[in-house]
Amino acid sequence: MKWAGMYLIGFIVLIGGLLAALWKIGILASIGTTWTAIGVVIAVGFGIMIAVSHSGTKENIEINRK
């Protein structure tokens, strides 16, 4: 598995842990399901953008023809 995929899986686990903590405290009950879902989608989108931007360096390959 590529590092970007591993980063994204770790980020999703982090979001899940944060949601579980907020649910246990009782904050999610006052926010509502719709806003919670919107926040999760935004957070996963940021995770995808960060994972792709840090996925590695892009190198150009030059071929010398004689």
N, C-alpha and C. Protein backbone atom coordinates (compact mmCIF):
# COMPACT_ATOMS: atom_id res chain seq x y z
N MET A 1 0.85 -1.17 0.00
CA MET A 1 0.00 0.00 0.00
C MET A 1 0.90 1.23 0.00
N LYS A 2 0.50 2.21 -0.76
CA LYS A 2 1.30 3.42 -0.85
C LYS A 2 1.14 4.25 0.42
N TRP A 3 2.10 5.14 0.64
CA TRP A 3 2.09 5.96 1.86
C TRP A 3 0.88 6.88 1.90
N ALA A 4 0.42 7.36 0.73
CA ALA A 4 -0.76 8.22 0.71
C ALA A 4 -1.98 7.46 1.21
N GLY A 5 -2.10 6.21 0.83
CA GLY A 5 -3.21 5.39 1.30
C GLY A 5 -3.14 5.12 2.79
N MET A 6 -1.94 4.86 3.28
CA MET A 6 -1.76 4.64 4.72
C MET A 6 -2.09 5.91 5.50
N TYR A 7 -1.67 7.06 4.98
CA TYR A 7 -1.97 8.33 5.64
C TYR A 7 -3.47 8.55 5.70
N LEU A 8 -4.16 8.27 4.58
CA LEU A 8 -5.60 8.48 4.53
C LEU A 8 -6.32 7.55 5.50
N ILE A 9 -5.89 6.32 5.60
CA ILE A 9 -6.51 5.38 6.56
C ILE A 9 -6.29 5.87 7.98
N GLY A 10 -5.09 6.33 8.28
CA GLY A 10 -4.81 6.86 9.61
C GLY A 10 -5.64 8.10 9.92
N PHE A 11 -5.82 8.95 8.91
CA PHE A 11 -6.62 10.16 9.10
C PHE A 11 -8.08 9.80 9.35
N ILE A 12 -8.60 8.81 8.65
CA ILE A 12 -9.99 8.38 8.86
C ILE A 12 -10.16 7.78 10.26
N VAL A 13 -9.17 7.03 10.72
CA VAL A 13 -9.22 6.48 12.08
C VAL A 13 -9.20 7.62 13.10
N LEU A 14 -8.39 8.65 12.84
CA LEU A 14 -8.34 9.81 13.73
C LEU A 14 -9.70 10.50 13.78
N ILE A 15 -10.32 10.72 12.64
CA ILE A 15 -11.65 11.35 12.60
C ILE A 15 -12.66 10.49 13.35
N GLY A 16 -12.58 9.17 13.17
CA GLY A 16 -13.49 8.27 13.90
C GLY A 16 -13.30 8.38 15.40
N GLY A 17 -12.05 8.47 15.84
CA GLY A 17 -11.79 8.62 17.27
C GLY A 17 -12.30 9.94 17.82
N LEU A 18 -12.12 11.01 17.04
CA LEU A 18 -12.65 12.30 17.48
C LEU A 18 -14.18 12.29 17.55
N LEU A 19 -14.81 11.67 16.57
CA LEU A 19 -16.28 11.58 16.60
C LEU A 19 -16.77 10.75 17.79
N ALA A 20 -16.06 9.66 18.10
CA ALA A 20 -16.44 8.84 19.24
C ALA A 20 -16.29 9.63 20.55
N ALA A 21 -15.22 10.41 20.66
CA ALA A 21 -15.02 11.22 21.87
C ALA A 21 -16.10 12.29 21.99
N LEU A 22 -16.43 12.96 20.87
CA LEU A 22 -17.48 13.98 20.91
C LEU A 22 -18.84 13.37 21.22
N TRP A 23 -19.09 12.16 20.73
CA TRP A 23 -20.35 11.47 21.01
C TRP A 23 -20.44 11.11 22.50
N LYS A 24 -19.32 10.61 23.05
CA LYS A 24 -19.31 10.22 24.46
C LYS A 24 -19.51 11.42 25.37
N ILE A 25 -18.94 12.57 25.01
CA ILE A 25 -19.11 13.78 25.82
C ILE A 25 -20.53 14.32 25.71
N GLY A 26 -21.17 14.12 24.56
CA GLY A 26 -22.52 14.59 24.35
C GLY A 26 -22.62 15.80 23.43
N ILE A 27 -21.52 16.18 22.84
CA ILE A 27 -21.52 17.35 21.97
C ILE A 27 -22.23 17.05 20.65
N LEU A 28 -22.09 15.83 20.14
CA LEU A 28 -22.72 15.50 18.86
C LEU A 28 -24.24 15.55 18.94
N ALA A 29 -24.80 15.30 20.09
CA ALA A 29 -26.26 15.35 20.23
C ALA A 29 -26.79 16.77 20.04
N SER A 30 -26.00 17.76 20.44
CA SER A 30 -26.46 19.14 20.29
C SER A 30 -26.19 19.69 18.90
N ILE A 31 -25.22 19.13 18.19
CA ILE A 31 -24.88 19.62 16.85
C ILE A 31 -25.89 19.12 15.81
N GLY A 32 -26.19 17.86 15.82
CA GLY A 32 -27.11 17.29 14.84
C GLY A 32 -26.39 16.43 13.81
N THR A 33 -27.15 15.55 13.20
CA THR A 33 -26.58 14.59 12.26
C THR A 33 -26.09 15.25 10.98
N THR A 34 -26.85 16.19 10.46
CA THR A 34 -26.50 16.80 9.17
C THR A 34 -25.18 17.55 9.27
N TRP A 35 -25.02 18.38 10.30
CA TRP A 35 -23.77 19.14 10.43
C TRP A 35 -22.60 18.23 10.76
N THR A 36 -22.85 17.15 11.48
CA THR A 36 -21.78 16.20 11.76
C THR A 36 -21.31 15.55 10.47
N ALA A 37 -22.24 15.14 9.62
CA ALA A 37 -21.88 14.52 8.33
C ALA A 37 -21.13 15.51 7.44
N ILE A 38 -21.58 16.76 7.41
CA ILE A 38 -20.89 17.78 6.61
C ILE A 38 -19.45 17.97 7.12
N GLY A 39 -19.27 18.03 8.41
CA GLY A 39 -17.93 18.18 8.98
C GLY A 39 -17.04 16.99 8.67
N VAL A 40 -17.58 15.79 8.71
CA VAL A 40 -16.80 14.59 8.40
C VAL A 40 -16.36 14.60 6.94
N VAL A 41 -17.27 14.96 6.04
CA VAL A 41 -16.93 15.01 4.62
C VAL A 41 -15.83 16.04 4.36
N ILE A 42 -15.93 17.20 4.99
CA ILE A 42 -14.90 18.23 4.83
C ILE A 42 -13.56 17.75 5.38
N ALA A 43 -13.58 17.11 6.55
CA ALA A 43 -12.34 16.63 7.16
C ALA A 43 -11.69 15.54 6.30
N VAL A 44 -12.48 14.62 5.76
CA VAL A 44 -11.91 13.58 4.89
C VAL A 44 -11.39 14.20 3.60
N GLY A 45 -12.06 15.21 3.09
CA GLY A 45 -11.56 15.90 1.90
C GLY A 45 -10.21 16.55 2.15
N PHE A 46 -10.05 17.20 3.30
CA PHE A 46 -8.75 17.77 3.66
C PHE A 46 -7.70 16.67 3.79
N GLY A 47 -8.09 15.54 4.37
CA GLY A 47 -7.15 14.42 4.50
C GLY A 47 -6.69 13.90 3.16
N ILE A 48 -7.60 13.81 2.19
CA ILE A 48 -7.23 13.36 0.85
C ILE A 48 -6.29 14.36 0.20
N MET A 49 -6.59 15.65 0.33
CA MET A 49 -5.72 16.66 -0.27
C MET A 49 -4.33 16.63 0.33
N ILE A 50 -4.23 16.49 1.65
CA ILE A 50 -2.93 16.46 2.30
C ILE A 50 -2.18 15.19 1.93
N ALA A 51 -2.88 14.05 1.87
CA ALA A 51 -2.24 12.78 1.53
C ALA A 51 -1.69 12.81 0.10
N VAL A 52 -2.43 13.38 -0.82
CA VAL A 52 -1.96 13.45 -2.21
C VAL A 52 -0.81 14.42 -2.35
N SER A 53 -0.87 15.54 -1.64
CA SER A 53 0.21 16.52 -1.77
C SER A 53 1.51 16.03 -1.15
N HIS A 54 1.44 15.13 -0.19
CA HIS A 54 2.65 14.59 0.43
C HIS A 54 2.97 13.17 -0.03
N SER A 55 2.44 12.77 -1.17
CA SER A 55 2.61 11.39 -1.61
C SER A 55 3.98 11.12 -2.20
N GLY A 56 4.77 12.13 -2.45
CA GLY A 56 6.13 11.91 -2.95
C GLY A 56 6.51 12.96 -3.95
N THR A 57 7.77 12.90 -4.35
CA THR A 57 8.25 13.86 -5.32
C THR A 57 8.02 13.33 -6.72
N LYS A 58 7.72 14.23 -7.60
CA LYS A 58 7.54 13.88 -9.00
C LYS A 58 8.86 14.13 -9.72
N GLU A 59 9.34 13.13 -10.40
CA GLU A 59 10.63 13.26 -11.07
C GLU A 59 10.42 13.14 -12.58
N ASN A 60 11.18 13.91 -13.30
CA ASN A 60 11.18 13.82 -14.76
C ASN A 60 12.28 12.90 -15.20
N ILE A 61 11.97 12.05 -16.15
CA ILE A 61 12.96 11.13 -16.69
C ILE A 61 13.36 11.63 -18.07
N GLU A 62 14.65 11.84 -18.28
CA GLU A 62 15.15 12.30 -19.57
C GLU A 62 15.82 11.13 -20.28
N ILE A 63 15.47 10.97 -21.52
CA ILE A 63 16.05 9.91 -22.33
C ILE A 63 16.92 10.57 -23.38
N ASN A 64 18.20 10.21 -23.38
CA ASN A 64 19.13 10.75 -24.37
C ASN A 64 19.21 9.79 -25.54
N ARG A 65 18.76 10.24 -26.70
CA ARG A 65 18.83 9.42 -27.90
C ARG A 65 20.01 9.88 -28.74
N LYS A 66 20.76 8.92 -29.25
CA LYS A 66 21.94 9.25 -30.05
C LYS A 66 21.76 8.85 -31.47
